Amino acid sequence: MSVTYTISGRSAKGGTVRQMAILSAAIKVDDNPPVSSSKTDLEVIIEGPEETQPKISVMGGERGNFHLGFTPNAAGQYWLDFIFKGTLATEPFLLPIKEVSGSVPNIPYSGKLRSTSGNTAAPAALKSPPPSSSDDTNKQREAAEKSKREEDRKKRLAAEEERQRKEAAEEERQRKEAAEEERQKREAEEESERQREEERIRREQEEEREERRRREQEEEDKQREDERRERKEAERRQREEAERRQREEEEVREQRKEAERRQREDAERKQREEEEARKSATATATATVTATVAPEDKAKKESEEAARKAAIEKKKTRSLSEKRSRKTEEIKGRRRCRKKTP
């Protein structure tokens, strides 16, 4: 895996000592931006004139775009090595840091005022003394002129010193204003960077909250779906239990009906047997009365009557057996159908 980078930003071409250097690094892996990355994936090692490595802040990281910032405390060459996900970049990055310029030194008066002030008059010491009648008068005049020249020189020196002081004060004021502007600019940039970082953190927190709300909503939907399935399953079981109880009740009713039917059939059969017994007794009595009239006809009639009654009884018995068989088959068929029903 080959790691390369591209440097941009305010300090890409260099910075100033004791002022924050801000850089933007676009990391590429095999000449392509990484699909996913975070600020913890990038490590920066600095070698420079300082004995200890400066503390560097790494921000961003989305698709390999990082923002770097550190404050150099010494002028010189700073070499930055980038390590992305454990892989060292192909070459280091050189960042030159220059020294801040100092204040303007105070230059003492050197006598150049005469040549630069535009005053073309000759000095007072070079003027011709007025004629005098006595040496004392000349000496007094010379002393007065000398004193005047000395006072003029002191005034000029004081004026020059005052001008230099004002110039130095003006330069110091301009330097302070420039430093203040630089400081305000740096603070504005730091504030802007801080606001961007706060905005990024806010967006990340908002995304985390949104992701958390989405997961909670999914959990609630899943829970509701599980509860709905459980309710449906409980309702299905209740329906099956009710159907089972209903089938059992129907079977009990069918069995009760079958028992009642059998009781009726038994009662009818007993009644028929009693009627047949009465009829047989009546026939016997009749045969006894008519035994003397025609014995042969009587025997024949009795035989025919017995055969007819046996045939009727056999037919009734067969019909009753067939009815019971059909009823039993119907009950068995209904039970088999109920067992097959889910």
C-alpha atoms as a PDB file:
ATOM      1  CA  MET A   1       0.000   0.000   0.000  1.00  0.00           C
ATOM      2  CA  SER A   2       1.458   3.365  -1.114  1.00  0.00           C
ATOM      3  CA  VAL A   3       0.496   6.500   0.871  1.00  0.00           C
ATOM      4  CA  THR A   4       0.858   9.945  -0.741  1.00  0.00           C
ATOM      5  CA  TYR A   5      -0.420  13.362   0.250  1.00  0.00           C
ATOM      6  CA  THR A   6      -1.117  16.908  -0.965  1.00  0.00           C
ATOM      7  CA  ILE A   7      -0.547  19.913   1.349  1.00  0.00           C
ATOM      8  CA  SER A   8      -2.545  23.159   1.155  1.00  0.00           C
ATOM      9  CA  GLY A   9      -3.717  25.861   3.516  1.00  0.00           C
ATOM     10  CA  ARG A  10      -2.448  29.109   5.018  1.00  0.00           C
ATOM     11  CA  SER A  11       0.940  27.725   6.131  1.00  0.00           C
ATOM     12  CA  ALA A  12       1.587  25.396   3.210  1.00  0.00           C
ATOM     13  CA  LYS A  13       4.605  27.515   2.105  1.00  0.00           C
ATOM     14  CA  GLY A  14       5.893  28.304   5.581  1.00  0.00           C
ATOM     15  CA  GLY A  15       5.048  30.015   8.842  1.00  0.00           C
ATOM     16  CA  THR A  16       6.312  32.298  11.584  1.00  0.00           C
ATOM     17  CA  VAL A  17       7.725  31.300  14.945  1.00  0.00           C
ATOM     18  CA  ARG A  18       5.242  31.291  17.877  1.00  0.00           C
ATOM     19  CA  GLN A  19       2.310  31.584  15.475  1.00  0.00           C
ATOM     20  CA  MET A  20       0.007  28.658  14.774  1.00  0.00           C
ATOM     21  CA  ALA A  21       0.774  26.873  11.519  1.00  0.00           C
ATOM     22  CA  ILE A  22      -2.435  25.595   9.884  1.00  0.00           C
ATOM     23  CA  LEU A  23      -2.269  22.994   7.101  1.00  0.00           C
ATOM     24  CA  SER A  24      -4.706  20.833   5.120  1.00  0.00           C
ATOM     25  CA  ALA A  25      -3.521  17.364   4.101  1.00  0.00           C
ATOM     26  CA  ALA A  26      -5.316  15.260   1.468  1.00  0.00           C
ATOM     27  CA  ILE A  27      -4.201  11.645   1.953  1.00  0.00           C
ATOM     28  CA  LYS A  28      -4.369   9.148  -0.916  1.00  0.00           C
ATOM     29  CA  VAL A  29      -3.845   5.389  -0.819  1.00  0.00           C
ATOM     30  CA  ASP A  30      -2.550   3.960  -4.123  1.00  0.00           C
ATOM     31  CA  ASP A  31      -3.465   7.315  -5.761  1.00  0.00           C
ATOM     32  CA  ASN A  32      -7.091   7.082  -4.586  1.00  0.00           C
ATOM     33  CA  PRO A  33      -8.822   8.741  -1.598  1.00  0.00           C
ATOM     34  CA  PRO A  34      -9.647   6.263   1.181  1.00  0.00           C
ATOM     35  CA  VAL A  35     -13.265   5.125   1.252  1.00  0.00           C
ATOM     36  CA  SER A  36     -13.577   5.540   5.016  1.00  0.00           C
ATOM     37  CA  SER A  37     -11.254   7.314   7.465  1.00  0.00           C
ATOM     38  CA  SER A  38     -11.273   9.264  10.719  1.00  0.00           C
ATOM     39  CA  LYS A  39      -8.882  11.583  12.538  1.00  0.00           C
ATOM     40  CA  THR A  40      -7.530   8.669  14.585  1.00  0.00           C
ATOM     41  CA  ASP A  41      -6.225   7.003  11.399  1.00  0.00           C
ATOM     42  CA  LEU A  42      -3.554   9.684  10.840  1.00  0.00           C
ATOM     43  CA  GLU A  43      -0.417  10.129  12.964  1.00  0.00           C
ATOM     44  CA  VAL A  44       2.019  13.021  12.367  1.00  0.00           C
ATOM     45  CA  ILE A  45       5.666  12.901  13.508  1.00  0.00           C
ATOM     46  CA  ILE A  46       7.578  16.230  13.535  1.00  0.00           C
ATOM     47  CA  GLU A  47      11.341  16.648  13.473  1.00  0.00           C
ATOM     48  CA  GLY A  48      12.688  20.180  13.883  1.00  0.00           C
ATOM     49  CA  PRO A  49      14.910  22.557  15.846  1.00  0.00           C
ATOM     50  CA  GLU A  50      12.973  22.025  19.082  1.00  0.00           C
ATOM     51  CA  GLU A  51      14.192  19.430  21.549  1.00  0.00           C
ATOM     52  CA  THR A  52      10.709  17.999  22.028  1.00  0.00           C
ATOM     53  CA  GLN A  53       8.099  17.407  19.375  1.00  0.00           C
ATOM     54  CA  PRO A  54       5.446  20.159  19.267  1.00  0.00           C
ATOM     55  CA  LYS A  55       1.883  19.142  20.114  1.00  0.00           C
ATOM     56  CA  ILE A  56      -0.086  18.857  16.876  1.00  0.00           C
ATOM     57  CA  SER A  57      -3.872  18.768  16.507  1.00  0.00           C
ATOM     58  CA  VAL A  58      -5.440  16.516  13.862  1.00  0.00           C
ATOM     59  CA  MET A  59      -9.041  17.190  12.812  1.00  0.00           C
ATOM     60  CA  GLY A  60     -11.411  16.024  10.097  1.00  0.00           C
ATOM     61  CA  GLY A  61     -10.523  12.818   8.267  1.00  0.00           C
ATOM     62  CA  GLU A  62     -13.526  12.267   5.993  1.00  0.00           C
ATOM     63  CA  ARG A  63     -12.343  10.591   2.761  1.00  0.00           C
ATOM     64  CA  GLY A  64      -8.727  11.349   3.686  1.00  0.00           C
ATOM     65  CA  ASN A  65      -9.107  15.137   4.173  1.00  0.00           C
ATOM     66  CA  PHE A  66      -7.382  16.209   7.414  1.00  0.00           C
ATOM     67  CA  HIS A  67      -6.745  19.609   9.052  1.00  0.00           C
ATOM     68  CA  LEU A  68      -3.495  20.052  11.041  1.00  0.00           C
ATOM     69  CA  GLY A  69      -2.363  22.755  13.425  1.00  0.00           C
ATOM     70  CA  PHE A  70       0.623  23.313  15.736  1.00  0.00           C
ATOM     71  CA  THR A  71       2.625  26.243  17.155  1.00  0.00           C
ATOM     72  CA  PRO A  72       6.403  26.221  16.453  1.00  0.00           C
ATOM     73  CA  ASN A  73       8.503  27.734  19.239  1.00  0.00           C
ATOM     74  CA  ALA A  74      11.776  27.968  17.302  1.00  0.00           C
ATOM     75  CA  ALA A  75      12.719  29.049  13.796  1.00  0.00           C
ATOM     76  CA  GLY A  76      14.123  26.508  11.367  1.00  0.00           C
ATOM     77  CA  GLN A  77      13.137  23.600   9.168  1.00  0.00           C
ATOM     78  CA  TYR A  78      10.375  21.297  10.361  1.00  0.00           C
ATOM     79  CA  TRP A  79      10.016  17.873   8.732  1.00  0.00           C
ATOM     80  CA  LEU A  80       6.568  16.261   8.910  1.00  0.00           C
ATOM     81  CA  ASP A  81       6.137  12.491   8.452  1.00  0.00           C
ATOM     82  CA  PHE A  82       2.596  11.201   7.861  1.00  0.00           C
ATOM     83  CA  ILE A  83       1.580   7.697   9.026  1.00  0.00           C
ATOM     84  CA  PHE A  84      -1.849   6.646   7.723  1.00  0.00           C
ATOM     85  CA  LYS A  85      -3.291   3.471   9.266  1.00  0.00           C
ATOM     86  CA  GLY A  86       0.201   2.266  10.157  1.00  0.00           C
ATOM     87  CA  THR A  87       1.756   2.988   6.720  1.00  0.00           C
ATOM     88  CA  LEU A  88       4.424   5.700   6.378  1.00  0.00           C
ATOM     89  CA  ALA A  89       4.054   8.174   3.511  1.00  0.00           C
ATOM     90  CA  THR A  90       6.556   7.949   0.643  1.00  0.00           C
ATOM     91  CA  GLU A  91       8.382  11.167   1.609  1.00  0.00           C
ATOM     92  CA  PRO A  92       8.362  13.802   4.406  1.00  0.00           C
ATOM     93  CA  PHE A  93       7.047  17.344   4.054  1.00  0.00           C
ATOM     94  CA  LEU A  94       9.373  20.333   4.655  1.00  0.00           C
ATOM     95  CA  LEU A  95       7.834  23.320   6.461  1.00  0.00           C
ATOM     96  CA  PRO A  96      10.145  26.376   6.871  1.00  0.00           C
ATOM     97  CA  ILE A  97       9.518  28.570   9.961  1.00  0.00           C
ATOM     98  CA  LYS A  98      11.022  32.072   9.983  1.00  0.00           C
ATOM     99  CA  GLU A  99      11.889  34.376  12.927  1.00  0.00           C
ATOM    100  CA  VAL A 100       9.653  37.369  13.818  1.00  0.00           C
ATOM    101  CA  SER A 101      11.378  40.710  13.078  1.00  0.00           C
ATOM    102  CA  GLY A 102      12.475  42.718  16.201  1.00  0.00           C
ATOM    103  CA  SER A 103      12.004  46.439  17.052  1.00  0.00           C
ATOM    104  CA  VAL A 104      13.953  49.263  15.229  1.00  0.00           C
ATOM    105  CA  PRO A 105      17.098  50.274  17.256  1.00  0.00           C
ATOM    106  CA  ASN A 106      17.463  53.847  18.521  1.00  0.00           C
ATOM    107  CA  ILE A 107      20.187  55.623  16.399  1.00  0.00           C
ATOM    108  CA  PRO A 108      21.897  58.595  18.209  1.00  0.00           C
ATOM    109  CA  TYR A 109      22.360  62.001  16.567  1.00  0.00           C
ATOM    110  CA  SER A 110      25.423  62.057  14.265  1.00  0.00           C
ATOM    111  CA  GLY A 111      25.356  65.594  12.861  1.00  0.00           C
ATOM    112  CA  LYS A 112      23.656  64.731   9.605  1.00  0.00           C
ATOM    113  CA  LEU A 113      20.832  67.161  10.320  1.00  0.00           C
ATOM    114  CA  ARG A 114      22.639  69.975   8.620  1.00  0.00           C
ATOM    115  CA  SER A 115      22.874  68.111   5.366  1.00  0.00           C
ATOM    116  CA  THR A 116      19.355  66.677   5.500  1.00  0.00           C
ATOM    117  CA  SER A 117      17.280  69.435   7.157  1.00  0.00           C
ATOM    118  CA  GLY A 118      17.507  71.833   4.176  1.00  0.00           C
ATOM    119  CA  ASN A 119      19.082  74.627   6.280  1.00  0.00           C
ATOM    120  CA  THR A 120      21.697  76.263   3.949  1.00  0.00           C
ATOM    121  CA  ALA A 121      22.767  79.033   6.417  1.00  0.00           C
ATOM    122  CA  ALA A 122      26.284  78.766   7.759  1.00  0.00           C
ATOM    123  CA  PRO A 123      26.796  77.886  11.400  1.00  0.00           C
ATOM    124  CA  ALA A 124      27.022  80.712  13.818  1.00  0.00           C
ATOM    125  CA  ALA A 125      30.696  79.927  14.591  1.00  0.00           C
ATOM    126  CA  LEU A 126      31.619  80.639  10.975  1.00  0.00           C
ATOM    127  CA  LYS A 127      30.188  84.169  10.885  1.00  0.00           C
ATOM    128  CA  SER A 128      32.699  87.077  10.942  1.00  0.00           C
ATOM    129  CA  PRO A 129      32.761  88.854  14.301  1.00  0.00           C
ATOM    130  CA  PRO A 130      31.755  92.484  14.304  1.00  0.00           C
ATOM    131  CA  PRO A 131      34.514  94.989  14.665  1.00  0.00           C
ATOM    132  CA  SER A 132      35.390  95.845  18.268  1.00  0.00           C
ATOM    133  CA  SER A 133      37.476  98.550  19.893  1.00  0.00           C
ATOM    134  CA  SER A 134      38.663  96.420  22.768  1.00  0.00           C
ATOM    135  CA  ASP A 135      39.595  92.805  23.439  1.00  0.00           C
ATOM    136  CA  ASP A 136      37.191  92.538  26.367  1.00  0.00           C
ATOM    137  CA  THR A 137      34.293  93.490  24.216  1.00  0.00           C
ATOM    138  CA  ASN A 138      35.364  90.954  21.599  1.00  0.00           C
ATOM    139  CA  LYS A 139      35.743  88.244  24.209  1.00  0.00           C
ATOM    140  CA  GLN A 140      32.334  88.970  25.684  1.00  0.00           C
ATOM    141  CA  ARG A 141      30.799  88.955  22.236  1.00  0.00           C
ATOM    142  CA  GLU A 142      32.525  85.691  21.378  1.00  0.00           C
ATOM    143  CA  ALA A 143      31.410  84.161  24.686  1.00  0.00           C
ATOM    144  CA  ALA A 144      27.844  85.278  24.011  1.00  0.00           C
ATOM    145  CA  GLU A 145      27.954  83.888  20.500  1.00  0.00           C
ATOM    146  CA  LYS A 146      29.472  80.653  21.773  1.00  0.00           C
ATOM    147  CA  SER A 147      26.778  80.387  24.444  1.00  0.00           C
ATOM    148  CA  LYS A 148      24.135  81.064  21.843  1.00  0.00           C
ATOM    149  CA  ARG A 149      25.567  78.440  19.518  1.00  0.00           C
ATOM    150  CA  GLU A 150      25.677  75.949  22.398  1.00  0.00           C
ATOM    151  CA  GLU A 151      22.063  76.692  23.230  1.00  0.00           C
ATOM    152  CA  ASP A 152      21.118  76.342  19.556  1.00  0.00           C
ATOM    153  CA  ARG A 153      23.002  73.023  19.366  1.00  0.00           C
ATOM    154  CA  LYS A 154      21.263  71.754  22.511  1.00  0.00           C
ATOM    155  CA  LYS A 155      17.900  72.835  21.102  1.00  0.00           C
ATOM    156  CA  ARG A 156      18.640  71.086  17.814  1.00  0.00           C
ATOM    157  CA  LEU A 157      19.803  67.975  19.680  1.00  0.00           C
ATOM    158  CA  ALA A 158      16.674  68.050  21.830  1.00  0.00           C
ATOM    159  CA  ALA A 159      14.514  68.561  18.730  1.00  0.00           C
ATOM    160  CA  GLU A 160      16.319  65.709  16.932  1.00  0.00           C
ATOM    161  CA  GLU A 161      15.957  63.458  19.968  1.00  0.00           C
ATOM    162  CA  GLU A 162      12.275  64.389  20.221  1.00  0.00           C
ATOM    163  CA  ARG A 163      11.825  63.674  16.492  1.00  0.00           C
ATOM    164  CA  GLN A 164      13.611  60.333  16.818  1.00  0.00           C
ATOM    165  CA  ARG A 165      11.584  59.521  19.919  1.00  0.00           C
ATOM    166  CA  LYS A 166       8.375  60.336  18.071  1.00  0.00           C
ATOM    167  CA  GLU A 167       9.513  58.307  15.079  1.00  0.00           C
ATOM    168  CA  ALA A 168      10.467  55.415  17.355  1.00  0.00           C
ATOM    169  CA  ALA A 169       7.131  55.738  19.154  1.00  0.00           C
ATOM    170  CA  GLU A 170       5.316  55.848  15.813  1.00  0.00           C
ATOM    171  CA  GLU A 171       7.239  52.813  14.583  1.00  0.00           C
ATOM    172  CA  GLU A 172       6.520  51.033  17.874  1.00  0.00           C
ATOM    173  CA  ARG A 173       2.855  51.946  17.545  1.00  0.00           C
ATOM    174  CA  GLN A 174       2.778  50.695  13.965  1.00  0.00           C
ATOM    175  CA  ARG A 175       4.580  47.530  15.015  1.00  0.00           C
ATOM    176  CA  LYS A 176       2.113  46.999  17.861  1.00  0.00           C
ATOM    177  CA  GLU A 177      -0.798  47.702  15.527  1.00  0.00           C
ATOM    178  CA  ALA A 178       0.623  45.227  13.013  1.00  0.00           C
ATOM    179  CA  ALA A 179       1.156  42.689  15.809  1.00  0.00           C
ATOM    180  CA  GLU A 180      -2.356  43.374  17.095  1.00  0.00           C
ATOM    181  CA  GLU A 181      -3.791  42.987  13.596  1.00  0.00           C
ATOM    182  CA  GLU A 182      -1.829  39.754  13.195  1.00  0.00           C
ATOM    183  CA  ARG A 183      -3.043  38.597  16.592  1.00  0.00           C
ATOM    184  CA  GLN A 184      -6.642  39.510  15.770  1.00  0.00           C
ATOM    185  CA  LYS A 185      -6.307  37.801  12.414  1.00  0.00           C
ATOM    186  CA  ARG A 186      -4.848  34.742  14.083  1.00  0.00           C
ATOM    187  CA  GLU A 187      -7.561  34.801  16.723  1.00  0.00           C
ATOM    188  CA  ALA A 188     -10.189  35.202  14.007  1.00  0.00           C
ATOM    189  CA  GLU A 189      -8.737  32.245  12.140  1.00  0.00           C
ATOM    190  CA  GLU A 190      -8.542  30.225  15.343  1.00  0.00           C
ATOM    191  CA  GLU A 191     -12.105  31.248  16.170  1.00  0.00           C
ATOM    192  CA  SER A 192     -13.198  30.281  12.672  1.00  0.00           C
ATOM    193  CA  GLU A 193     -11.377  26.975  13.006  1.00  0.00           C
ATOM    194  CA  ARG A 194     -12.931  26.470  16.439  1.00  0.00           C
ATOM    195  CA  GLN A 195     -16.388  27.252  15.061  1.00  0.00           C
ATOM    196  CA  ARG A 196     -15.829  24.826  12.176  1.00  0.00           C
ATOM    197  CA  GLU A 197     -14.688  22.188  14.655  1.00  0.00           C
ATOM    198  CA  GLU A 198     -17.701  22.890  16.886  1.00  0.00           C
ATOM    199  CA  GLU A 199     -19.963  22.713  13.831  1.00  0.00           C
ATOM    200  CA  ARG A 200     -18.370  19.418  12.830  1.00  0.00           C
ATOM    201  CA  ILE A 201     -18.790  18.075  16.375  1.00  0.00           C
ATOM    202  CA  ARG A 202     -22.382  19.332  16.409  1.00  0.00           C
ATOM    203  CA  ARG A 203     -23.080  17.606  13.086  1.00  0.00           C
ATOM    204  CA  GLU A 204     -21.490  14.401  14.357  1.00  0.00           C
ATOM    205  CA  GLN A 205     -23.549  14.579  17.557  1.00  0.00           C
ATOM    206  CA  GLU A 206     -26.682  15.269  15.517  1.00  0.00           C
ATOM    207  CA  GLU A 207     -25.884  12.318  13.257  1.00  0.00           C
ATOM    208  CA  GLU A 208     -25.310  10.140  16.329  1.00  0.00           C
ATOM    209  CA  ARG A 209     -28.633  11.263  17.818  1.00  0.00           C
ATOM    210  CA  GLU A 210     -30.369  10.638  14.506  1.00  0.00           C
ATOM    211  CA  GLU A 211     -28.757   7.199  14.241  1.00  0.00           C
ATOM    212  CA  ARG A 212     -29.753   6.457  17.836  1.00  0.00           C
ATOM    213  CA  ARG A 213     -33.348   7.561  17.139  1.00  0.00           C
ATOM    214  CA  ARG A 214     -33.388   5.420  14.000  1.00  0.00           C
ATOM    215  CA  ARG A 215     -32.151   2.361  15.918  1.00  0.00           C
ATOM    216  CA  GLU A 216     -34.691   2.978  18.688  1.00  0.00           C
ATOM    217  CA  GLN A 217     -37.449   3.311  16.084  1.00  0.00           C
ATOM    218  CA  GLU A 218     -36.333   0.063  14.464  1.00  0.00           C
ATOM    219  CA  GLU A 219     -36.325  -1.639  17.860  1.00  0.00           C
ATOM    220  CA  GLU A 220     -39.839  -0.323  18.575  1.00  0.00           C
ATOM    221  CA  ASP A 221     -41.068  -1.452  15.153  1.00  0.00           C
ATOM    222  CA  LYS A 222     -39.517  -4.867  15.688  1.00  0.00           C
ATOM    223  CA  GLN A 223     -41.057  -5.116  19.167  1.00  0.00           C
ATOM    224  CA  ARG A 224     -44.480  -4.120  17.829  1.00  0.00           C
ATOM    225  CA  GLU A 225     -44.133  -6.648  15.013  1.00  0.00           C
ATOM    226  CA  ASP A 226     -43.208  -9.376  17.541  1.00  0.00           C
ATOM    227  CA  GLU A 227     -46.171  -8.435  19.723  1.00  0.00           C
ATOM    228  CA  ARG A 228     -48.464  -8.486  16.678  1.00  0.00           C
ATOM    229  CA  ARG A 229     -47.179 -11.936  15.695  1.00  0.00           C
ATOM    230  CA  GLU A 230     -47.620 -13.153  19.263  1.00  0.00           C
ATOM    231  CA  ARG A 231     -51.192 -11.826  19.340  1.00  0.00           C
ATOM    232  CA  LYS A 232     -51.967 -13.522  16.037  1.00  0.00           C
ATOM    233  CA  GLU A 233     -50.448 -16.769  17.303  1.00  0.00           C
ATOM    234  CA  ALA A 234     -52.455 -16.532  20.534  1.00  0.00           C
ATOM    235  CA  GLU A 235     -55.638 -15.827  18.571  1.00  0.00           C
ATOM    236  CA  ARG A 236     -54.914 -18.779  16.278  1.00  0.00           C
ATOM    237  CA  ARG A 237     -54.381 -21.050  19.256  1.00  0.00           C
ATOM    238  CA  GLN A 238     -57.582 -19.785  20.849  1.00  0.00           C
ATOM    239  CA  ARG A 239     -59.495 -20.465  17.612  1.00  0.00           C
ATOM    240  CA  GLU A 240     -57.999 -23.943  17.379  1.00  0.00           C
ATOM    241  CA  GLU A 241     -58.838 -24.616  21.024  1.00  0.00           C
ATOM    242  CA  ALA A 242     -62.404 -23.379  20.492  1.00  0.00           C
ATOM    243  CA  GLU A 243     -62.755 -25.500  17.340  1.00  0.00           C
ATOM    244  CA  ARG A 244     -61.364 -28.520  19.177  1.00  0.00           C
ATOM    245  CA  ARG A 245     -63.807 -28.040  22.038  1.00  0.00           C
ATOM    246  CA  GLN A 246     -66.632 -27.559  19.525  1.00  0.00           C
ATOM    247  CA  ARG A 247     -65.660 -30.788  17.731  1.00  0.00           C
ATOM    248  CA  GLU A 248     -65.514 -32.631  21.032  1.00  0.00           C
ATOM    249  CA  GLU A 249     -68.936 -31.268  21.960  1.00  0.00           C
ATOM    250  CA  GLU A 250     -70.307 -32.317  18.568  1.00  0.00           C
ATOM    251  CA  GLU A 251     -68.831 -35.784  19.021  1.00  0.00           C
ATOM    252  CA  VAL A 252     -70.433 -35.996  22.470  1.00  0.00           C
ATOM    253  CA  ARG A 253     -73.769 -34.903  20.993  1.00  0.00           C
ATOM    254  CA  GLU A 254     -73.411 -37.434  18.159  1.00  0.00           C
ATOM    255  CA  GLN A 255     -72.600 -40.165  20.644  1.00  0.00           C
ATOM    256  CA  ARG A 256     -75.586 -39.138  22.764  1.00  0.00           C
ATOM    257  CA  LYS A 257     -77.840 -39.168  19.690  1.00  0.00           C
ATOM    258  CA  GLU A 258     -76.465 -42.553  18.655  1.00  0.00           C
ATOM    259  CA  ALA A 259     -77.156 -43.943  22.149  1.00  0.00           C
ATOM    260  CA  GLU A 260     -80.677 -42.529  22.073  1.00  0.00           C
ATOM    261  CA  ARG A 261     -81.256 -43.997  18.606  1.00  0.00           C
ATOM    262  CA  ARG A 262     -80.055 -47.397  19.753  1.00  0.00           C
ATOM    263  CA  GLN A 263     -82.337 -47.165  22.765  1.00  0.00           C
ATOM    264  CA  ARG A 264     -85.266 -46.355  20.492  1.00  0.00           C
ATOM    265  CA  GLU A 265     -84.393 -49.210  18.171  1.00  0.00           C
ATOM    266  CA  ASP A 266     -84.124 -51.617  21.120  1.00  0.00           C
ATOM    267  CA  ALA A 267     -87.487 -50.411  22.421  1.00  0.00           C
ATOM    268  CA  GLU A 268     -89.060 -50.829  18.985  1.00  0.00           C
ATOM    269  CA  ARG A 269     -87.569 -54.275  18.632  1.00  0.00           C
ATOM    270  CA  LYS A 270     -88.897 -55.317  22.051  1.00  0.00           C
ATOM    271  CA  GLN A 271     -92.291 -53.913  21.135  1.00  0.00           C
ATOM    272  CA  ARG A 272     -92.316 -55.854  17.869  1.00  0.00           C
ATOM    273  CA  GLU A 273     -91.301 -59.032  19.693  1.00  0.00           C
ATOM    274  CA  GLU A 274     -94.142 -58.544  22.177  1.00  0.00           C
ATOM    275  CA  GLU A 275     -96.614 -57.961  19.340  1.00  0.00           C
ATOM    276  CA  GLU A 276     -95.355 -61.026  17.567  1.00  0.00           C
ATOM    277  CA  ALA A 277     -95.691 -63.005  20.781  1.00  0.00           C
ATOM    278  CA  ARG A 278     -99.311 -61.835  21.171  1.00  0.00           C
ATOM    279  CA  LYS A 279    -100.014 -62.617  17.548  1.00  0.00           C
ATOM    280  CA  SER A 280     -98.460 -66.052  17.983  1.00  0.00           C
ATOM    281  CA  ALA A 281    -100.579 -66.687  21.057  1.00  0.00           C
ATOM    282  CA  THR A 282    -103.692 -65.595  19.174  1.00  0.00           C
ATOM    283  CA  ALA A 283    -102.807 -67.831  16.245  1.00  0.00           C
ATOM    284  CA  THR A 284    -102.262 -70.782  18.578  1.00  0.00           C
ATOM    285  CA  ALA A 285    -105.646 -70.249  20.145  1.00  0.00           C
ATOM    286  CA  THR A 286    -107.262 -69.995  16.764  1.00  0.00           C
ATOM    287  CA  ALA A 287    -105.519 -73.152  15.632  1.00  0.00           C
ATOM    288  CA  THR A 288    -106.758 -74.997  18.699  1.00  0.00           C
ATOM    289  CA  VAL A 289    -110.329 -73.996  17.938  1.00  0.00           C
ATOM    290  CA  THR A 290    -110.126 -74.990  14.303  1.00  0.00           C
ATOM    291  CA  ALA A 291    -108.068 -78.178  14.865  1.00  0.00           C
ATOM    292  CA  THR A 292    -111.083 -80.376  14.500  1.00  0.00           C
ATOM    293  CA  VAL A 293    -112.251 -78.791  11.264  1.00  0.00           C
ATOM    294  CA  ALA A 294    -109.352 -79.275   8.902  1.00  0.00           C
ATOM    295  CA  PRO A 295    -106.078 -80.610  10.302  1.00  0.00           C
ATOM    296  CA  GLU A 296    -104.244 -80.622   7.025  1.00  0.00           C
ATOM    297  CA  ASP A 297    -105.258 -77.104   6.009  1.00  0.00           C
ATOM    298  CA  LYS A 298    -104.375 -75.883   9.449  1.00  0.00           C
ATOM    299  CA  ALA A 299    -100.875 -77.330   9.325  1.00  0.00           C
ATOM    300  CA  LYS A 300    -100.312 -75.871   5.900  1.00  0.00           C
ATOM    301  CA  LYS A 301    -101.500 -72.429   6.956  1.00  0.00           C
ATOM    302  CA  GLU A 302     -99.382 -72.474  10.050  1.00  0.00           C
ATOM    303  CA  SER A 303     -96.308 -73.409   8.031  1.00  0.00           C
ATOM    304  CA  GLU A 304     -96.948 -70.604   5.552  1.00  0.00           C
ATOM    305  CA  GLU A 305     -97.578 -68.108   8.350  1.00  0.00           C
ATOM    306  CA  ALA A 306     -94.360 -69.089  10.143  1.00  0.00           C
ATOM    307  CA  ALA A 307     -92.335 -68.816   6.938  1.00  0.00           C
ATOM    308  CA  ARG A 308     -93.877 -65.420   6.195  1.00  0.00           C
ATOM    309  CA  LYS A 309     -93.117 -64.159   9.715  1.00  0.00           C
ATOM    310  CA  ALA A 310     -89.533 -65.507   9.554  1.00  0.00           C
ATOM    311  CA  ALA A 311     -88.985 -63.742   6.231  1.00  0.00           C
ATOM    312  CA  ILE A 312     -90.360 -60.455   7.631  1.00  0.00           C
ATOM    313  CA  GLU A 313     -88.241 -60.765  10.776  1.00  0.00           C
ATOM    314  CA  LYS A 314     -85.122 -61.557   8.721  1.00  0.00           C
ATOM    315  CA  LYS A 315     -85.773 -58.572   6.470  1.00  0.00           C
ATOM    316  CA  LYS A 316     -86.234 -56.234   9.441  1.00  0.00           C
ATOM    317  CA  THR A 317     -83.059 -57.566  11.110  1.00  0.00           C
ATOM    318  CA  ARG A 318     -81.016 -57.081   7.926  1.00  0.00           C
ATOM    319  CA  SER A 319     -82.387 -53.530   7.432  1.00  0.00           C
ATOM    320  CA  LEU A 320     -81.558 -52.657  11.049  1.00  0.00           C
ATOM    321  CA  SER A 321     -77.997 -54.010  10.701  1.00  0.00           C
ATOM    322  CA  GLU A 322     -77.464 -52.039   7.487  1.00  0.00           C
ATOM    323  CA  LYS A 323     -78.675 -48.838   9.149  1.00  0.00           C
ATOM    324  CA  ARG A 324     -76.320 -49.337  12.080  1.00  0.00           C
ATOM    325  CA  SER A 325     -73.382 -50.050   9.751  1.00  0.00           C
ATOM    326  CA  ARG A 326     -74.065 -46.905   7.689  1.00  0.00           C
ATOM    327  CA  LYS A 327     -74.387 -44.776  10.827  1.00  0.00           C
ATOM    328  CA  THR A 328     -71.142 -46.179  12.239  1.00  0.00           C
ATOM    329  CA  GLU A 329     -69.309 -45.491   8.951  1.00  0.00           C
ATOM    330  CA  GLU A 330     -70.638 -41.942   8.869  1.00  0.00           C
ATOM    331  CA  ILE A 331     -69.397 -41.256  12.422  1.00  0.00           C
ATOM    332  CA  LYS A 332     -65.974 -42.743  11.638  1.00  0.00           C
ATOM    333  CA  GLY A 333     -65.735 -40.656   8.453  1.00  0.00           C
ATOM    334  CA  ARG A 334     -66.551 -37.424  10.309  1.00  0.00           C
ATOM    335  CA  ARG A 335     -63.913 -38.214  12.953  1.00  0.00           C
ATOM    336  CA  ARG A 336     -61.274 -38.877  10.290  1.00  0.00           C
ATOM    337  CA  CYS A 337     -62.099 -35.545   8.579  1.00  0.00           C
ATOM    338  CA  ARG A 338     -61.808 -33.678  11.893  1.00  0.00           C
ATOM    339  CA  LYS A 339     -58.451 -35.250  12.652  1.00  0.00           C
ATOM    340  CA  LYS A 340     -57.115 -34.210   9.220  1.00  0.00           C
ATOM    341  CA  THR A 341     -58.298 -30.576   9.663  1.00  0.00           C
ATOM    342  CA  PRO A 342     -55.337 -28.389  11.028  1.00  0.00           C
END
